[in-house]
Amino acid sequence: MITEFVENPDKAPEEYHKFVETVNRENRDFDEVASEILLGIEDIDHRELVESYIDAARWM
């Protein structure tokens, strides 16, 4: 997943882009915003996908 993220960040889920925008625009805590975004996703598989992108961003 990290390789895909690095090579194709534009293919990241919409929620990931919302996460990045919120962290950058509002200068908020990374983990706080991640929790808010992930709590709003009902589909478990999709939540795990978004979480993997957020985790990859943590290491960037």
C-alpha atoms as a PDB file:
ATOM      1  CA  MET A   1       0.000   0.000   0.000  1.00  0.00           C
ATOM      2  CA  ILE A   2       2.799   2.449   0.776  1.00  0.00           C
ATOM      3  CA  THR A   3       4.305   1.912  -2.680  1.00  0.00           C
ATOM      4  CA  GLU A   4       0.933   2.557  -4.306  1.00  0.00           C
ATOM      5  CA  PHE A   5       0.490   5.664  -2.166  1.00  0.00           C
ATOM      6  CA  VAL A   6       3.880   7.052  -3.170  1.00  0.00           C
ATOM      7  CA  GLU A   7       3.411   6.257  -6.851  1.00  0.00           C
ATOM      8  CA  ASN A   8      -0.250   7.303  -7.171  1.00  0.00           C
ATOM      9  CA  PRO A   9      -1.363   9.659  -4.391  1.00  0.00           C
ATOM     10  CA  ASP A  10      -4.170  10.959  -6.627  1.00  0.00           C
ATOM     11  CA  LYS A  11      -5.808   7.517  -6.467  1.00  0.00           C
ATOM     12  CA  ALA A  12      -6.202   7.804  -2.702  1.00  0.00           C
ATOM     13  CA  PRO A  13      -9.756   7.725  -1.347  1.00  0.00           C
ATOM     14  CA  GLU A  14     -11.639  11.019  -1.038  1.00  0.00           C
ATOM     15  CA  GLU A  15     -11.545  10.780   2.756  1.00  0.00           C
ATOM     16  CA  TYR A  16      -7.753  10.722   2.684  1.00  0.00           C
ATOM     17  CA  HIS A  17      -7.660  13.976   0.715  1.00  0.00           C
ATOM     18  CA  LYS A  18     -10.127  15.483   3.197  1.00  0.00           C
ATOM     19  CA  PHE A  19      -7.814  14.368   6.013  1.00  0.00           C
ATOM     20  CA  VAL A  20      -4.776  16.051   4.428  1.00  0.00           C
ATOM     21  CA  GLU A  21      -6.685  19.258   3.716  1.00  0.00           C
ATOM     22  CA  THR A  22      -8.017  19.444   7.278  1.00  0.00           C
ATOM     23  CA  VAL A  23      -4.634  18.828   8.904  1.00  0.00           C
ATOM     24  CA  ASN A  24      -2.953  21.430   6.690  1.00  0.00           C
ATOM     25  CA  ARG A  25      -5.699  24.065   6.676  1.00  0.00           C
ATOM     26  CA  GLU A  26      -6.638  23.936  10.356  1.00  0.00           C
ATOM     27  CA  ASN A  27      -3.186  22.976  11.674  1.00  0.00           C
ATOM     28  CA  ARG A  28      -4.790  20.263  13.814  1.00  0.00           C
ATOM     29  CA  ASP A  29      -3.368  17.158  15.429  1.00  0.00           C
ATOM     30  CA  PHE A  30      -2.742  14.339  12.954  1.00  0.00           C
ATOM     31  CA  ASP A  31      -4.273  11.610  15.150  1.00  0.00           C
ATOM     32  CA  GLU A  32      -7.299  13.702  16.122  1.00  0.00           C
ATOM     33  CA  VAL A  33      -8.236  14.358  12.506  1.00  0.00           C
ATOM     34  CA  ALA A  34      -7.555  10.738  11.525  1.00  0.00           C
ATOM     35  CA  SER A  35      -9.912   9.520  14.261  1.00  0.00           C
ATOM     36  CA  GLU A  36     -12.675  11.883  13.145  1.00  0.00           C
ATOM     37  CA  ILE A  37     -12.351  10.839   9.512  1.00  0.00           C
ATOM     38  CA  LEU A  38     -12.213   7.102  10.257  1.00  0.00           C
ATOM     39  CA  LEU A  39     -15.170   7.217  12.661  1.00  0.00           C
ATOM     40  CA  GLY A  40     -17.298   8.633   9.852  1.00  0.00           C
ATOM     41  CA  ILE A  41     -16.715   5.629   7.566  1.00  0.00           C
ATOM     42  CA  GLU A  42     -19.202   2.808   8.094  1.00  0.00           C
ATOM     43  CA  ASP A  43     -17.859   0.284   5.578  1.00  0.00           C
ATOM     44  CA  ILE A  44     -15.093  -1.649   7.343  1.00  0.00           C
ATOM     45  CA  ASP A  45     -13.117  -2.471   4.186  1.00  0.00           C
ATOM     46  CA  HIS A  46     -13.200   1.138   3.026  1.00  0.00           C
ATOM     47  CA  ARG A  47     -12.231   2.339   6.511  1.00  0.00           C
ATOM     48  CA  GLU A  48      -9.215   0.013   6.470  1.00  0.00           C
ATOM     49  CA  LEU A  49      -8.220   1.313   3.033  1.00  0.00           C
ATOM     50  CA  VAL A  50      -8.388   4.930   4.182  1.00  0.00           C
ATOM     51  CA  GLU A  51      -6.535   4.038   7.374  1.00  0.00           C
ATOM     52  CA  SER A  52      -3.725   2.449   5.359  1.00  0.00           C
ATOM     53  CA  TYR A  53      -3.302   5.654   3.343  1.00  0.00           C
ATOM     54  CA  ILE A  54      -3.269   7.735   6.524  1.00  0.00           C
ATOM     55  CA  ASP A  55      -0.707   5.393   8.069  1.00  0.00           C
ATOM     56  CA  ALA A  56       1.442   5.644   4.937  1.00  0.00           C
ATOM     57  CA  ALA A  57       1.308   9.440   5.166  1.00  0.00           C
ATOM     58  CA  ARG A  58       2.552   9.213   8.729  1.00  0.00           C
ATOM     59  CA  TRP A  59       5.829   7.761   7.405  1.00  0.00           C
ATOM     60  CA  MET A  60       6.242  10.270   4.585  1.00  0.00           C
END
